[in-house]
């Protein structure tokens, strides 16, 4: 098993042992989901001829997050194909942006949660989310609160 941790500069370190991923099963499918709505993506692993494994994520509460659950009206109801761009300023005042898309498939033999998860680090000043719906509509949301799941419905 491998677990990679990004350093924020484009590099990665292998940290499986350090975070407790020590099983020796033949993992086949991996899915990510915030099972307890805490802003931490938990990991579910289906193994070949082995047990289903759940790794509960226990990240620092100092790290802030936002999740968007998109619901289409003019587009398909699951919002497959929608893109969301979240803009914020980090703890040093530097402007940041993450862009994610709602996908119909996300891995081999597994499906991640369709909610879009944005990890923001400590002390973010959230500015807005811009949703580009498959229908062609663009929706801007002035979000301010972190550590929250937002239910977003496409305007009719």
N, C-alpha and C. Protein backbone atom coordinates (compact mmCIF):
# COMPACT_ATOMS: atom_id res chain seq x y z
N UNK A 1 0.84 -1.18 0.00
CA UNK A 1 0.00 0.00 0.00
C UNK A 1 0.88 1.24 0.00
N UNK A 2 0.41 2.26 -0.68
CA UNK A 2 1.13 3.53 -0.75
C UNK A 2 0.18 4.66 -0.39
N UNK A 3 0.66 5.59 0.38
CA UNK A 3 -0.06 6.82 0.69
C UNK A 3 0.93 7.95 0.47
N UNK A 4 0.52 8.91 -0.36
CA UNK A 4 1.41 10.02 -0.71
C UNK A 4 0.87 11.31 -0.11
N UNK A 5 1.75 12.11 0.46
CA UNK A 5 1.40 13.39 1.05
C UNK A 5 2.05 14.49 0.25
N UNK A 6 1.22 15.44 -0.24
CA UNK A 6 1.73 16.57 -1.01
C UNK A 6 2.37 17.60 -0.10
N UNK A 7 3.44 18.23 -0.58
CA UNK A 7 4.14 19.24 0.21
C UNK A 7 3.69 20.66 -0.12
N UNK A 8 2.71 20.81 -1.02
CA UNK A 8 2.23 22.13 -1.40
C UNK A 8 3.07 22.80 -2.46
N UNK A 9 4.17 22.19 -2.85
CA UNK A 9 5.07 22.76 -3.86
C UNK A 9 5.19 21.85 -5.08
N UNK A 10 4.35 20.82 -5.16
CA UNK A 10 4.40 19.90 -6.29
C UNK A 10 5.14 18.60 -6.00
N UNK A 11 5.70 18.47 -4.81
CA UNK A 11 6.40 17.24 -4.43
C UNK A 11 5.55 16.38 -3.51
N UNK A 12 5.91 15.10 -3.40
CA UNK A 12 5.16 14.16 -2.57
C UNK A 12 6.12 13.29 -1.77
N UNK A 13 5.67 12.87 -0.58
CA UNK A 13 6.41 11.93 0.26
C UNK A 13 5.52 10.74 0.55
N UNK A 14 6.12 9.54 0.61
CA UNK A 14 5.37 8.33 0.92
C UNK A 14 5.23 8.22 2.43
N UNK A 15 3.97 8.15 2.94
CA UNK A 15 3.73 8.22 4.38
C UNK A 15 2.85 7.09 4.91
N UNK A 16 2.70 5.99 4.18
CA UNK A 16 1.77 4.92 4.59
C UNK A 16 2.02 4.45 6.02
N UNK A 17 3.24 4.11 6.35
CA UNK A 17 3.56 3.63 7.70
C UNK A 17 3.22 4.68 8.76
N UNK A 18 3.56 5.92 8.48
CA UNK A 18 3.35 7.00 9.46
C UNK A 18 1.88 7.25 9.76
N UNK A 19 0.99 7.01 8.78
CA UNK A 19 -0.44 7.26 8.99
C UNK A 19 -1.22 5.99 9.31
N UNK A 20 -0.54 4.87 9.47
CA UNK A 20 -1.20 3.65 9.91
C UNK A 20 -1.74 2.75 8.83
N UNK A 21 -1.36 2.97 7.58
CA UNK A 21 -1.79 2.09 6.49
C UNK A 21 -0.74 1.00 6.36
N UNK A 22 -0.97 -0.09 7.09
CA UNK A 22 0.04 -1.14 7.17
C UNK A 22 -0.47 -2.51 6.73
N UNK A 23 -1.71 -2.58 6.22
CA UNK A 23 -2.24 -3.89 5.85
C UNK A 23 -1.47 -4.45 4.65
N UNK A 24 -1.54 -5.75 4.49
CA UNK A 24 -0.82 -6.43 3.40
C UNK A 24 -1.78 -7.06 2.40
N UNK A 25 -3.05 -6.65 2.42
CA UNK A 25 -4.04 -7.21 1.50
C UNK A 25 -3.80 -6.70 0.08
N UNK A 26 -4.46 -7.35 -0.86
CA UNK A 26 -4.36 -7.00 -2.27
C UNK A 26 -5.48 -6.02 -2.62
N UNK A 27 -5.26 -4.73 -2.34
CA UNK A 27 -6.27 -3.71 -2.57
C UNK A 27 -6.61 -3.55 -4.04
N UNK A 28 -7.91 -3.49 -4.35
CA UNK A 28 -8.37 -3.38 -5.74
C UNK A 28 -9.15 -2.10 -6.01
N UNK A 29 -9.93 -1.67 -5.07
CA UNK A 29 -10.77 -0.50 -5.28
C UNK A 29 -10.62 0.44 -4.09
N UNK A 30 -10.46 1.72 -4.37
CA UNK A 30 -10.32 2.72 -3.31
C UNK A 30 -11.33 3.82 -3.58
N UNK A 31 -12.08 4.18 -2.55
CA UNK A 31 -13.06 5.27 -2.66
C UNK A 31 -12.84 6.25 -1.52
N UNK A 32 -13.09 7.52 -1.80
CA UNK A 32 -12.97 8.58 -0.80
C UNK A 32 -14.35 9.15 -0.52
N UNK A 33 -14.66 9.38 0.75
CA UNK A 33 -15.94 9.97 1.14
C UNK A 33 -15.80 10.56 2.54
N UNK A 34 -16.49 11.65 2.79
CA UNK A 34 -16.54 12.25 4.12
C UNK A 34 -17.70 11.59 4.86
N UNK A 35 -17.46 10.41 5.40
CA UNK A 35 -18.53 9.59 5.98
C UNK A 35 -19.17 10.19 7.22
N UNK A 36 -18.44 11.01 7.98
CA UNK A 36 -18.97 11.58 9.21
C UNK A 36 -19.22 13.09 9.08
N UNK A 37 -19.16 13.63 7.86
CA UNK A 37 -19.39 15.06 7.60
C UNK A 37 -18.53 15.96 8.50
N UNK A 38 -17.26 15.60 8.59
CA UNK A 38 -16.32 16.38 9.40
C UNK A 38 -15.33 17.17 8.55
N UNK A 39 -15.44 17.05 7.23
CA UNK A 39 -14.50 17.72 6.35
C UNK A 39 -13.24 16.94 6.11
N UNK A 40 -13.18 15.72 6.59
CA UNK A 40 -12.02 14.85 6.40
C UNK A 40 -12.42 13.69 5.50
N UNK A 41 -11.73 13.52 4.39
CA UNK A 41 -12.05 12.43 3.48
C UNK A 41 -11.55 11.10 4.04
N UNK A 42 -12.48 10.21 4.29
CA UNK A 42 -12.15 8.87 4.78
C UNK A 42 -11.87 7.98 3.57
N UNK A 43 -11.14 6.89 3.79
CA UNK A 43 -10.71 6.01 2.70
C UNK A 43 -11.31 4.63 2.91
N UNK A 44 -11.99 4.11 1.87
CA UNK A 44 -12.55 2.77 1.89
C UNK A 44 -11.79 1.96 0.85
N UNK A 45 -11.30 0.77 1.24
CA UNK A 45 -10.52 -0.07 0.34
C UNK A 45 -11.19 -1.44 0.24
N UNK A 46 -11.51 -1.86 -0.99
CA UNK A 46 -11.99 -3.22 -1.24
C UNK A 46 -10.79 -4.05 -1.66
N UNK A 47 -10.63 -5.19 -1.03
CA UNK A 47 -9.48 -6.05 -1.27
C UNK A 47 -9.86 -7.32 -2.01
N UNK A 48 -8.96 -7.80 -2.84
CA UNK A 48 -9.12 -9.09 -3.51
C UNK A 48 -8.94 -10.18 -2.46
N UNK A 49 -9.95 -11.00 -2.25
CA UNK A 49 -9.88 -12.12 -1.28
C UNK A 49 -9.48 -11.64 0.12
N UNK A 50 -9.98 -10.48 0.50
CA UNK A 50 -9.67 -9.94 1.82
C UNK A 50 -10.80 -9.06 2.30
N UNK A 51 -10.70 -8.55 3.52
CA UNK A 51 -11.78 -7.75 4.10
C UNK A 51 -11.85 -6.35 3.50
N UNK A 52 -13.04 -5.76 3.58
CA UNK A 52 -13.22 -4.36 3.26
C UNK A 52 -12.57 -3.56 4.39
N UNK A 53 -11.79 -2.56 4.05
CA UNK A 53 -11.10 -1.75 5.06
C UNK A 53 -11.59 -0.32 5.03
N UNK A 54 -11.71 0.28 6.20
CA UNK A 54 -12.09 1.68 6.33
C UNK A 54 -11.01 2.38 7.14
N UNK A 55 -10.44 3.42 6.56
CA UNK A 55 -9.46 4.26 7.26
C UNK A 55 -10.14 5.59 7.55
N UNK A 56 -10.42 5.85 8.83
CA UNK A 56 -11.06 7.10 9.23
C UNK A 56 -9.99 8.19 9.30
N UNK A 57 -10.25 9.28 8.61
CA UNK A 57 -9.32 10.41 8.55
C UNK A 57 -9.48 11.26 9.80
N UNK A 58 -8.38 11.53 10.47
CA UNK A 58 -8.40 12.34 11.69
C UNK A 58 -7.44 13.51 11.56
N UNK A 59 -7.64 14.34 10.55
CA UNK A 59 -6.76 15.49 10.33
C UNK A 59 -6.95 16.54 11.40
N UNK A 60 -6.02 17.46 11.46
CA UNK A 60 -6.05 18.54 12.44
C UNK A 60 -7.29 19.41 12.26
N UNK A 61 -7.99 19.74 13.36
CA UNK A 61 -9.14 20.64 13.24
C UNK A 61 -8.75 22.06 12.85
N UNK A 62 -7.45 22.38 12.87
CA UNK A 62 -7.00 23.71 12.44
C UNK A 62 -7.16 23.88 10.93
N UNK A 63 -7.17 22.77 10.19
CA UNK A 63 -7.33 22.84 8.74
C UNK A 63 -8.81 22.97 8.39
N UNK A 64 -9.13 24.00 7.63
CA UNK A 64 -10.51 24.31 7.28
C UNK A 64 -10.87 23.68 5.93
N UNK A 65 -12.16 23.61 5.65
CA UNK A 65 -12.65 22.93 4.46
C UNK A 65 -14.02 23.47 4.07
N UNK A 66 -14.42 23.19 2.85
CA UNK A 66 -15.78 23.41 2.35
C UNK A 66 -16.11 22.23 1.46
N UNK A 67 -17.36 21.78 1.52
CA UNK A 67 -17.85 20.78 0.58
C UNK A 67 -19.08 21.33 -0.12
N UNK A 68 -19.16 21.05 -1.41
CA UNK A 68 -20.31 21.46 -2.22
C UNK A 68 -21.02 20.21 -2.73
N UNK A 69 -22.31 20.15 -2.48
CA UNK A 69 -23.15 19.08 -3.03
C UNK A 69 -24.03 19.75 -4.08
N UNK A 70 -23.77 19.45 -5.35
CA UNK A 70 -24.45 20.12 -6.46
C UNK A 70 -25.65 19.30 -6.93
N UNK A 71 -26.75 20.01 -7.20
CA UNK A 71 -27.99 19.37 -7.66
C UNK A 71 -28.48 20.10 -8.90
N UNK A 72 -28.54 19.41 -10.02
CA UNK A 72 -28.97 20.02 -11.27
C UNK A 72 -30.48 20.09 -11.40
N UNK A 73 -30.95 21.10 -12.12
CA UNK A 73 -32.37 21.22 -12.48
C UNK A 73 -32.49 21.26 -13.99
N UNK A 74 -31.82 22.20 -14.64
CA UNK A 74 -31.78 22.25 -16.10
C UNK A 74 -30.79 21.22 -16.64
N UNK A 75 -29.73 20.99 -15.89
CA UNK A 75 -28.75 19.95 -16.22
C UNK A 75 -29.23 18.65 -15.59
N UNK A 76 -28.47 17.58 -15.72
CA UNK A 76 -28.83 16.32 -15.06
C UNK A 76 -28.85 16.52 -13.54
N UNK A 77 -29.72 15.80 -12.85
CA UNK A 77 -29.93 16.05 -11.42
C UNK A 77 -28.71 15.75 -10.55
N UNK A 78 -27.81 14.87 -11.01
CA UNK A 78 -26.60 14.58 -10.25
C UNK A 78 -25.47 15.56 -10.54
N UNK A 79 -25.72 16.51 -11.43
CA UNK A 79 -24.75 17.56 -11.78
C UNK A 79 -23.47 17.01 -12.40
N UNK A 80 -23.55 15.82 -13.01
CA UNK A 80 -22.37 15.24 -13.67
C UNK A 80 -21.90 16.21 -14.76
N UNK A 81 -20.63 16.56 -14.72
CA UNK A 81 -20.07 17.50 -15.69
C UNK A 81 -19.97 18.93 -15.19
N UNK A 82 -20.58 19.23 -14.04
CA UNK A 82 -20.47 20.58 -13.48
C UNK A 82 -19.05 20.80 -12.95
N UNK A 83 -18.58 22.05 -13.04
CA UNK A 83 -17.27 22.42 -12.51
C UNK A 83 -17.46 23.53 -11.48
N UNK A 84 -16.70 23.46 -10.40
CA UNK A 84 -16.76 24.49 -9.37
C UNK A 84 -15.36 25.03 -9.12
N UNK A 85 -15.25 26.36 -9.10
CA UNK A 85 -13.99 27.04 -8.79
C UNK A 85 -14.19 27.78 -7.48
N UNK A 86 -13.42 27.42 -6.46
CA UNK A 86 -13.51 28.06 -5.16
C UNK A 86 -12.31 28.99 -4.99
N UNK A 87 -12.58 30.25 -4.63
CA UNK A 87 -11.52 31.24 -4.43
C UNK A 87 -11.48 31.67 -2.96
N UNK A 88 -10.27 31.79 -2.41
CA UNK A 88 -10.09 32.23 -1.04
C UNK A 88 -8.69 32.81 -0.87
N UNK A 89 -8.47 33.44 0.27
CA UNK A 89 -7.14 33.92 0.64
C UNK A 89 -6.66 33.06 1.81
N UNK A 90 -5.41 32.64 1.72
CA UNK A 90 -4.86 31.78 2.78
C UNK A 90 -4.47 32.63 3.99
N UNK A 91 -3.92 32.00 5.01
CA UNK A 91 -3.55 32.69 6.25
C UNK A 91 -2.54 33.80 6.06
N UNK A 92 -1.82 33.82 4.93
CA UNK A 92 -0.85 34.89 4.63
C UNK A 92 -1.42 35.94 3.69
N UNK A 93 -2.72 35.81 3.34
CA UNK A 93 -3.36 36.77 2.46
C UNK A 93 -3.17 36.49 0.99
N UNK A 94 -2.54 35.37 0.65
CA UNK A 94 -2.30 35.03 -0.75
C UNK A 94 -3.56 34.43 -1.37
N UNK A 95 -3.91 34.92 -2.57
CA UNK A 95 -5.11 34.42 -3.24
C UNK A 95 -4.88 32.99 -3.73
N UNK A 96 -5.86 32.14 -3.49
CA UNK A 96 -5.81 30.73 -3.89
C UNK A 96 -7.09 30.37 -4.64
N UNK A 97 -6.98 29.33 -5.45
CA UNK A 97 -8.16 28.81 -6.14
C UNK A 97 -7.99 27.31 -6.37
N UNK A 98 -9.08 26.59 -6.18
CA UNK A 98 -9.14 25.17 -6.54
C UNK A 98 -10.31 25.00 -7.49
N UNK A 99 -10.14 24.13 -8.48
CA UNK A 99 -11.22 23.82 -9.42
C UNK A 99 -11.43 22.31 -9.39
N UNK A 100 -12.69 21.92 -9.29
CA UNK A 100 -13.04 20.50 -9.30
C UNK A 100 -14.26 20.29 -10.18
N UNK A 101 -14.43 19.06 -10.63
CA UNK A 101 -15.58 18.70 -11.46
C UNK A 101 -16.31 17.52 -10.84
N UNK A 102 -17.62 17.48 -11.06
CA UNK A 102 -18.42 16.33 -10.65
C UNK A 102 -18.29 15.29 -11.75
N UNK A 103 -17.81 14.10 -11.38
CA UNK A 103 -17.53 13.05 -12.36
C UNK A 103 -18.49 11.89 -12.20
N UNK A 104 -18.76 11.21 -13.31
CA UNK A 104 -19.61 10.01 -13.27
C UNK A 104 -18.82 8.81 -12.78
N UNK A 105 -17.53 8.81 -12.98
CA UNK A 105 -16.67 7.72 -12.53
C UNK A 105 -15.38 8.32 -12.01
N UNK A 106 -14.76 7.64 -11.04
CA UNK A 106 -13.57 8.25 -10.45
C UNK A 106 -12.47 7.26 -10.11
N UNK A 107 -12.59 6.02 -10.50
CA UNK A 107 -11.52 5.08 -10.19
C UNK A 107 -11.85 3.68 -10.65
N UNK A 108 -10.91 2.80 -10.47
CA UNK A 108 -11.08 1.40 -10.85
C UNK A 108 -11.95 0.68 -9.83
N UNK A 109 -13.09 0.18 -10.26
CA UNK A 109 -14.00 -0.61 -9.41
C UNK A 109 -14.51 0.15 -8.19
N UNK A 110 -14.53 1.47 -8.23
CA UNK A 110 -14.99 2.25 -7.08
C UNK A 110 -15.57 3.57 -7.55
N UNK A 111 -16.34 4.21 -6.70
CA UNK A 111 -16.92 5.50 -6.99
C UNK A 111 -16.78 6.38 -5.76
N UNK A 112 -16.09 7.50 -5.89
CA UNK A 112 -15.97 8.45 -4.78
C UNK A 112 -17.30 9.15 -4.56
N UNK A 113 -17.43 9.77 -3.40
CA UNK A 113 -18.56 10.62 -3.10
C UNK A 113 -18.61 11.72 -4.17
N UNK A 114 -19.81 12.08 -4.65
CA UNK A 114 -19.92 13.12 -5.68
C UNK A 114 -19.79 14.53 -5.11
N UNK A 115 -19.85 14.65 -3.79
CA UNK A 115 -19.65 15.98 -3.22
C UNK A 115 -18.23 16.45 -3.53
N UNK A 116 -18.09 17.72 -3.79
CA UNK A 116 -16.77 18.30 -4.07
C UNK A 116 -16.17 18.78 -2.75
N UNK A 117 -14.99 18.30 -2.44
CA UNK A 117 -14.32 18.61 -1.18
C UNK A 117 -13.14 19.54 -1.47
N UNK A 118 -13.10 20.67 -0.77
CA UNK A 118 -12.01 21.63 -0.91
C UNK A 118 -11.31 21.77 0.43
N UNK A 119 -10.05 21.35 0.51
CA UNK A 119 -9.24 21.54 1.70
C UNK A 119 -8.56 22.90 1.62
N UNK A 120 -8.72 23.73 2.65
CA UNK A 120 -8.29 25.13 2.58
C UNK A 120 -7.12 25.47 3.50
N UNK A 121 -6.70 24.56 4.36
CA UNK A 121 -5.64 24.87 5.31
C UNK A 121 -6.16 25.76 6.43
N UNK A 122 -5.25 26.28 7.27
CA UNK A 122 -5.68 27.11 8.40
C UNK A 122 -6.00 28.54 7.99
N UNK A 123 -6.95 29.15 8.67
CA UNK A 123 -7.28 30.58 8.57
C UNK A 123 -7.62 31.09 7.17
N UNK A 124 -8.47 30.40 6.41
CA UNK A 124 -8.81 30.93 5.08
C UNK A 124 -9.84 32.05 5.18
N UNK A 125 -9.76 32.98 4.22
CA UNK A 125 -10.80 33.99 4.04
C UNK A 125 -11.49 33.63 2.72
N UNK A 126 -12.64 33.00 2.84
CA UNK A 126 -13.33 32.48 1.66
C UNK A 126 -14.02 33.62 0.94
N UNK A 127 -13.90 33.64 -0.38
CA UNK A 127 -14.46 34.72 -1.17
C UNK A 127 -15.69 34.28 -1.96
N UNK A 128 -15.55 33.23 -2.77
CA UNK A 128 -16.69 32.85 -3.61
C UNK A 128 -16.45 31.49 -4.24
N UNK A 129 -17.55 30.93 -4.71
CA UNK A 129 -17.50 29.74 -5.55
C UNK A 129 -18.23 30.08 -6.85
N UNK A 130 -17.65 29.69 -7.96
CA UNK A 130 -18.28 29.88 -9.27
C UNK A 130 -18.56 28.49 -9.82
N UNK A 131 -19.84 28.21 -10.09
CA UNK A 131 -20.26 26.91 -10.60
C UNK A 131 -20.57 27.06 -12.08
N UNK A 132 -19.97 26.21 -12.89
CA UNK A 132 -20.26 26.14 -14.33
C UNK A 132 -21.07 24.86 -14.55
N UNK A 133 -22.36 25.02 -14.80
CA UNK A 133 -23.27 23.89 -14.96
C UNK A 133 -23.22 23.33 -16.37
N UNK A 134 -23.51 22.04 -16.56
CA UNK A 134 -23.52 21.45 -17.90
C UNK A 134 -24.50 22.14 -18.86
N UNK A 135 -25.53 22.78 -18.32
CA UNK A 135 -26.51 23.48 -19.16
C UNK A 135 -25.93 24.73 -19.80
N UNK A 136 -24.74 25.17 -19.34
CA UNK A 136 -24.13 26.40 -19.83
C UNK A 136 -24.29 27.56 -18.86
N UNK A 137 -25.13 27.41 -17.87
CA UNK A 137 -25.35 28.44 -16.87
C UNK A 137 -24.14 28.55 -15.95
N UNK A 138 -23.80 29.79 -15.56
CA UNK A 138 -22.75 30.04 -14.57
C UNK A 138 -23.40 30.68 -13.35
N UNK A 139 -23.08 30.17 -12.18
CA UNK A 139 -23.66 30.63 -10.92
C UNK A 139 -22.53 31.02 -9.98
N UNK A 140 -22.61 32.24 -9.42
CA UNK A 140 -21.60 32.70 -8.46
C UNK A 140 -22.22 32.75 -7.07
N UNK A 141 -21.54 32.14 -6.12
CA UNK A 141 -22.02 32.09 -4.74
C UNK A 141 -21.02 32.80 -3.83
N UNK A 142 -21.46 33.82 -3.07
CA UNK A 142 -20.55 34.50 -2.14
C UNK A 142 -20.47 33.73 -0.82
N UNK A 143 -19.62 32.72 -0.78
CA UNK A 143 -19.49 31.89 0.42
C UNK A 143 -18.55 32.56 1.42
N UNK A 144 -18.83 32.40 2.70
CA UNK A 144 -17.97 32.99 3.73
C UNK A 144 -17.55 31.99 4.79
N UNK A 145 -18.42 31.04 5.12
CA UNK A 145 -18.17 30.14 6.24
C UNK A 145 -17.44 28.88 5.81
N UNK A 146 -16.38 28.55 6.54
CA UNK A 146 -15.66 27.29 6.32
C UNK A 146 -16.27 26.20 7.20
N UNK A 147 -15.74 24.99 7.04
CA UNK A 147 -16.19 23.83 7.82
C UNK A 147 -17.68 23.60 7.66
N UNK A 148 -18.12 23.62 6.40
CA UNK A 148 -19.55 23.53 6.13
C UNK A 148 -19.79 22.81 4.81
N UNK A 149 -20.87 22.03 4.77
CA UNK A 149 -21.36 21.41 3.53
C UNK A 149 -22.45 22.31 2.98
N UNK A 150 -22.26 22.80 1.76
CA UNK A 150 -23.25 23.65 1.09
C UNK A 150 -24.03 22.81 0.09
N UNK A 151 -25.35 22.86 0.17
CA UNK A 151 -26.23 22.24 -0.82
C UNK A 151 -26.52 23.31 -1.87
N UNK A 152 -26.13 23.07 -3.12
CA UNK A 152 -26.27 24.08 -4.17
C UNK A 152 -27.16 23.51 -5.26
N UNK A 153 -28.27 24.22 -5.54
CA UNK A 153 -29.20 23.81 -6.60
C UNK A 153 -29.04 24.75 -7.78
N UNK A 154 -28.96 24.19 -8.96
CA UNK A 154 -28.85 24.97 -10.19
C UNK A 154 -30.11 25.82 -10.36
N UNK A 155 -29.95 27.13 -10.62
CA UNK A 155 -31.13 27.97 -10.86
C UNK A 155 -31.89 27.51 -12.10
N UNK A 156 -33.18 27.66 -12.06
CA UNK A 156 -34.01 27.26 -13.21
C UNK A 156 -33.97 28.29 -14.26
